[in-house]
Protein backbone atom coordinates (compact mmCIF):
# COMPACT_ATOMS: atom_id res chain seq x y z
CA MET A 1 0.00 0.00 0.00
CA SER A 2 1.39 3.42 -0.95
CA TYR A 3 0.39 7.11 -0.75
CA LEU A 4 0.81 10.01 -3.14
CA THR A 5 0.70 13.43 -1.44
CA PRO A 6 0.25 16.71 -3.36
CA ASP A 7 3.84 17.74 -2.72
CA ARG A 8 5.35 14.56 -4.21
CA THR A 9 5.69 13.18 -7.71
CA LYS A 10 6.29 9.58 -6.62
CA PRO A 11 4.21 7.50 -4.19
CA ILE A 12 5.63 6.61 -0.77
CA THR A 13 4.99 3.19 0.74
CA ALA A 14 3.06 2.71 3.99
CA ARG A 15 6.02 0.79 5.41
CA LYS A 16 8.13 3.96 5.37
CA LEU A 17 5.40 6.03 7.08
CA GLY A 18 4.98 3.67 10.05
CA ASP A 19 2.50 1.17 11.49
CA TYR A 20 -0.41 3.65 11.57
CA PHE A 21 -0.48 3.83 7.77
CA ASP A 22 -0.61 0.13 6.84
CA ARG A 23 -3.74 -1.33 5.23
CA ALA A 24 -5.25 -2.79 8.40
CA ALA A 25 -4.88 0.41 10.44
CA VAL A 26 -6.32 2.60 7.69
CA LEU A 27 -9.33 0.30 7.15
CA GLU A 28 -10.03 0.23 10.89
CA THR A 29 -9.99 4.04 11.09
CA LEU A 30 -12.31 4.37 8.09
CA THR A 31 -14.75 1.88 9.63
CA ILE A 32 -14.87 3.79 12.94
CA ASN A 33 -15.44 7.10 11.13
CA ALA A 34 -18.28 5.60 9.10
CA GLN A 35 -19.97 4.22 12.23
CA ASN A 36 -19.71 7.60 13.95
CA ALA A 37 -21.26 9.31 10.93
CA VAL A 38 -24.21 6.90 10.94
CA ARG A 39 -24.85 7.45 14.65
CA ALA A 40 -24.69 11.21 14.20
CA ALA A 41 -27.19 11.07 11.35
CA GLU A 42 -29.60 8.93 13.38
CA THR A 43 -29.53 11.26 16.39
CA PRO A 44 -32.30 13.88 15.94
CA ALA A 45 -31.25 17.48 16.44
CA PRO A 46 -32.98 19.24 19.36
CA LYS A 47 -35.85 21.39 18.23
CA GLU A 48 -35.84 25.01 19.28
CA GLU A 49 -39.15 26.71 19.73
CA HIS A 50 -39.32 30.14 18.20
CA PRO A 51 -41.92 32.75 19.03
CA ARG A 52 -44.57 33.02 16.36
CA SER A 53 -44.52 36.82 16.35
CA ILE A 54 -42.27 39.72 17.23
CA ARG A 55 -44.52 40.55 20.18
CA GLU A 56 -44.12 37.04 21.61
CA ARG A 57 -40.39 37.25 21.06
CA LEU A 58 -40.24 40.51 23.00
CA GLN A 59 -42.22 39.00 25.88
CA ARG A 60 -40.05 35.91 26.26
CA ASN A 61 -38.90 34.95 29.72
CA LYS A 62 -35.28 35.78 30.52
CA ALA A 63 -34.50 32.12 31.15
CA THR A 64 -35.07 31.38 27.47
CA ILE A 65 -32.64 34.02 26.25
CA ASN A 66 -29.41 32.20 25.44
CA THR A 67 -27.89 34.55 22.92
CA PRO A 68 -24.14 34.77 23.57
CA LYS A 69 -22.84 38.20 24.47
CA GLN A 70 -20.96 40.03 21.75
CA ASP A 71 -18.23 42.60 21.97
CA THR A 72 -20.31 45.78 21.74
CA SER A 73 -17.25 47.83 20.79
CA GLN A 74 -17.11 45.95 17.47
CA ARG A 75 -20.85 46.15 16.85
CA GLU A 76 -22.19 48.58 14.30
CA ALA A 77 -24.48 51.23 15.73
CA VAL A 78 -28.16 50.50 15.27
CA GLN A 79 -30.04 53.11 13.24
CA ARG A 80 -33.64 54.22 13.31
CA MET A 81 -36.03 52.43 11.01
CA VAL A 82 -37.63 54.43 8.22
CA ASP A 83 -41.35 55.14 8.21
CA ARG A 84 -41.92 54.03 4.64
CA GLU A 85 -45.53 55.18 4.50
CA ALA A 86 -44.58 58.67 5.62
CA LYS A 87 -41.75 58.80 3.09
CA ARG A 88 -44.04 57.65 0.30
CA ALA A 89 -46.48 60.38 1.33
CA GLU A 90 -43.63 62.87 1.02
CA GLY A 91 -43.16 61.76 -2.57
CA LYS A 92 -40.22 59.39 -2.25
CA GLY A 93 -39.92 57.08 -5.24
CA THR A 94 -39.77 53.32 -5.70
CA GLY A 95 -35.99 53.22 -5.53
CA TYR A 96 -35.95 54.87 -2.12
CA ASP A 97 -38.73 52.60 -0.91
CA ARG A 98 -36.75 49.50 -1.90
CA TRP A 99 -33.71 50.84 -0.08
CA ALA A 100 -35.85 51.62 2.99
CA ALA A 101 -37.25 48.09 2.98
CA VAL A 102 -33.76 46.57 3.09
CA HIS A 103 -32.61 49.16 5.62
CA ASN A 104 -35.54 48.37 7.91
CA LEU A 105 -34.86 44.64 7.77
CA LYS A 106 -31.24 45.21 8.78
CA GLN A 107 -32.16 47.57 11.59
CA MET A 108 -34.90 45.23 12.79
CA ALA A 109 -32.35 42.43 13.09
CA ALA A 110 -29.88 44.73 14.85
CA THR A 111 -32.61 45.96 17.19
CA MET A 112 -33.69 42.47 18.21
CA SER A 113 -30.07 41.44 18.68
CA ILE A 114 -29.41 44.31 21.10
CA TYR A 115 -32.75 43.72 22.84
CA GLU A 116 -31.94 40.08 23.51
CA GLU A 117 -28.26 40.65 24.32
CA SER A 118 -29.35 43.18 26.94
CA GLY A 119 -31.52 40.53 28.59
CA PHE A 120 -34.82 42.38 28.25
CA SER A 121 -37.93 40.25 28.58
CA SER A 122 -40.47 43.00 27.89
CA PRO A 123 -40.66 46.49 26.36
CA GLU A 124 -41.30 47.76 29.89
CA GLU A 125 -37.86 46.57 30.95
CA LEU A 126 -36.38 48.39 27.98
CA GLU A 127 -38.21 51.55 29.05
CA ALA A 128 -36.87 51.22 32.60
CA ALA A 129 -33.33 50.65 31.33
CA LEU A 130 -33.58 53.74 29.14
CA ALA A 131 -34.76 55.83 32.09
CA THR A 132 -31.85 54.58 34.19
CA ALA A 133 -29.35 55.21 31.40
CA SER A 134 -30.68 58.74 30.89
CA ALA A 135 -30.42 59.49 34.61
CA GLU A 136 -26.86 58.17 34.74
CA LEU A 137 -25.96 60.22 31.68
CA SER A 138 -27.31 63.39 33.31
CA SER A 139 -25.41 62.64 36.52
CA VAL A 140 -22.09 62.10 34.75
CA HIS A 141 -22.67 65.18 32.60
CA ALA A 142 -23.20 67.30 35.71
CA LYS A 143 -20.00 65.95 37.28
CA LEU A 144 -18.09 66.60 34.08
CA LYS A 145 -19.32 70.20 33.90
CA ALA A 146 -18.34 70.78 37.54
CA VAL A 147 -14.82 69.47 36.95
CA GLU A 148 -14.48 71.53 33.77
CA SER A 149 -15.55 74.64 35.66
CA ALA A 150 -13.06 73.96 38.45
CA LEU A 151 -10.34 73.34 35.88
CA ARG A 152 -11.03 76.65 34.15
CA GLU A 153 -10.85 78.48 37.47
CA LYS A 154 -7.55 76.83 38.36
CA LYS A 155 -6.09 77.67 34.97
CA ASP A 156 -7.21 81.29 35.32
CA LEU A 157 -5.57 81.39 38.73
CA GLN A 158 -2.41 79.86 37.31
CA LYS A 159 -2.32 82.47 34.56
CA GLN A 160 -2.60 85.30 37.07
CA LEU A 161 -0.10 83.66 39.41
CA LEU A 162 2.54 83.21 36.72
CA ALA A 163 2.07 86.79 35.57
CA TYR A 164 2.42 88.01 39.16
CA ILE A 165 5.56 85.93 39.72
CA LYS A 166 7.20 87.46 36.64
CA THR A 167 6.81 90.92 38.15
CA LYS A 168 8.77 89.99 41.28
CA PRO A 169 12.04 91.59 40.12
CA ALA A 170 10.24 94.88 39.49
CA ARG A 171 8.47 94.75 42.84
CA ASP A 172 11.69 93.95 44.66
CA GLY A 173 13.42 96.78 42.83
CA LEU A 174 10.78 99.23 44.02
CA LYS A 175 11.41 98.24 47.63
CA ALA A 176 15.10 98.99 47.17
CA GLN A 177 14.42 102.62 46.26
CA LYS A 178 15.27 104.97 49.14
CA THR A 179 13.33 108.11 48.30
CA GLU A 180 9.83 108.88 47.13
CA LYS A 181 11.18 110.53 43.99
CA ALA A 182 13.26 107.46 43.20
CA ARG A 183 10.28 105.19 43.74
CA LYS A 184 8.15 107.38 41.46
CA ASN A 185 10.73 107.31 38.70
CA TYR A 186 11.19 103.58 39.13
CA ARG A 187 7.45 102.91 38.83
CA GLU A 188 7.30 104.98 35.66
CA GLN A 189 10.17 102.98 34.18
CA HIS A 190 8.46 99.65 35.02
CA GLU A 191 4.87 100.76 34.57
CA SER A 192 3.76 97.66 32.62
CA ASP A 193 5.08 95.31 35.31
CA PHE A 194 3.20 97.14 38.05
CA MET A 195 0.00 97.19 36.00
CA ILE A 196 0.22 93.41 35.66
CA ALA A 197 0.97 92.96 39.36
CA GLU A 198 -1.93 95.19 40.39
CA ALA A 199 -4.34 93.37 38.06
CA ALA A 200 -3.27 90.03 39.56
CA THR A 201 -3.68 91.43 43.07
CA ARG A 202 -7.23 92.55 42.27
CA TYR A 203 -7.98 89.08 40.88
CA PHE A 204 -6.70 87.37 44.04
CA LYS A 205 -8.82 89.67 46.18
CA ALA A 206 -11.94 89.11 44.08
CA GLN A 207 -11.50 85.35 44.39
CA GLY A 208 -11.06 85.57 48.14
CA ILE A 209 -7.45 84.38 47.97
CA SER A 210 -5.54 85.74 50.92
CA LYS A 211 -2.51 83.49 50.49
CA ILE A 212 -1.05 82.96 47.04
CA PRO A 213 -0.70 79.22 46.30
CA ALA A 214 2.60 77.62 45.40
CA SER A 215 3.06 77.21 41.66
CA LYS A 216 3.93 73.50 41.89
CA ALA A 217 0.95 72.73 44.12
CA LEU A 218 -1.38 74.55 41.74
CA GLN A 219 0.03 72.64 38.77
CA ALA A 220 -0.54 69.36 40.61
CA GLU A 221 -4.19 70.33 41.22
CA ILE A 222 -4.63 71.15 37.54
CA GLU A 223 -3.16 67.82 36.46
CA GLN A 224 -5.44 65.96 38.88
CA LEU A 225 -8.48 67.80 37.53
CA MET A 226 -7.43 66.99 33.97
CA ARG A 227 -7.25 63.29 34.84
CA GLU A 228 -10.69 63.46 36.41
CA LYS A 229 -12.03 65.27 33.36
CA ASN A 230 -10.66 62.63 30.97
CA THR A 231 -12.09 59.80 33.07
CA LEU A 232 -15.49 61.45 33.31
CA TYR A 233 -15.52 62.29 29.61
CA ASN A 234 -14.86 58.66 28.67
CA GLU A 235 -17.64 57.58 31.02
CA TYR A 236 -19.94 60.27 29.63
CA ARG A 237 -19.25 59.19 26.05
CA GLU A 238 -20.01 55.54 26.86
CA LYS A 239 -23.26 56.41 28.64
CA ARG A 240 -24.26 58.78 25.86
CA GLU A 241 -23.79 56.05 23.27
CA ARG A 242 -25.71 53.55 25.41
CA THR A 243 -28.57 55.99 25.93
CA LYS A 244 -28.70 56.78 22.23
CA GLU A 245 -28.68 53.07 21.43
CA LEU A 246 -31.56 52.35 23.81
CA GLN A 247 -33.53 55.29 22.44
CA THR A 248 -33.11 53.92 18.93
CA VAL A 249 -34.04 50.41 20.03
CA LYS A 250 -37.15 51.76 21.77
CA SER A 251 -38.17 53.70 18.66
CA ASN A 252 -37.62 50.69 16.41
CA ILE A 253 -39.47 48.35 18.78
CA GLY A 254 -42.42 50.72 18.72
CA GLN A 255 -42.44 50.74 14.93
CA ILE A 256 -42.14 46.95 14.81
CA LEU A 257 -45.07 46.51 17.19
CA ARG A 258 -47.20 48.95 15.22
CA ARG A 259 -46.60 46.87 12.10
CA GLU A 260 -47.29 43.55 13.83
CA PRO A 261 -51.14 43.77 13.69
CA GLU A 262 -50.94 44.51 9.96
CA ARG A 263 -48.86 41.39 9.41
CA GLY A 264 -51.33 39.34 11.42
CA LYS A 265 -54.21 40.57 9.25
CA GLY A 266 -52.25 39.69 6.15
CA ARG A 267 -51.69 36.13 7.35
CA ASP A 268 -55.36 35.75 8.29
CA ASN A 269 -56.43 36.89 4.82
CA GLU A 270 -54.08 34.38 3.21
CA ARG A 271 -55.70 31.60 5.21
């Protein structure tokens, strides 16, 4: 017994390949594979009951939802279904209507996929989840705005502080002047520096700052606020996308349910 593999031009004998490739071993393996195939064909596949309508599918018990979770980051965003009747009333043509029909089928499938992956067993649960998501979005948005406001204030303070620090040589020079005339002349020579210093002093007073903060400490506060802002923004973006997704799913579910009675009438007429 010999074998001819695709990468060879001459056959190779089973004796050179080893005991597992002689005639008896090969025939035994083929027999076992054939028996396994027969048993597999005779075993009936388990029947899965599917809801007869979209409404029944939406009302399924959570225990029957076995759809494996998908990586939502790789999932395309679901879009709103098109109201074809309204578009036809607006004068949209046949070509658009055909596109809308295909679009709606795709979005219906995407909607049901998200609905089941989220573990909803009724439209009411979807409504509750949307309310929760909206509340969480508002909460994170408020926190983000507060941090952004604090960050702006700290940066304004830093701007005034750095400007004030730069005027230190001029302020020290004024103190070194011995006479009033010398001080007057000195102020005139460094007028811009003293204008900046006085503006910064007014700012500190208006903000209720009696002790000027250290520059390094202020920079550390700004960096901490920036980290908080980035974290909150990422959280806000995720919750915004989730809320938008649930809003779209809710809208599509509503449109699907409105169309369900029409489908039922069509089936009854066919019968």
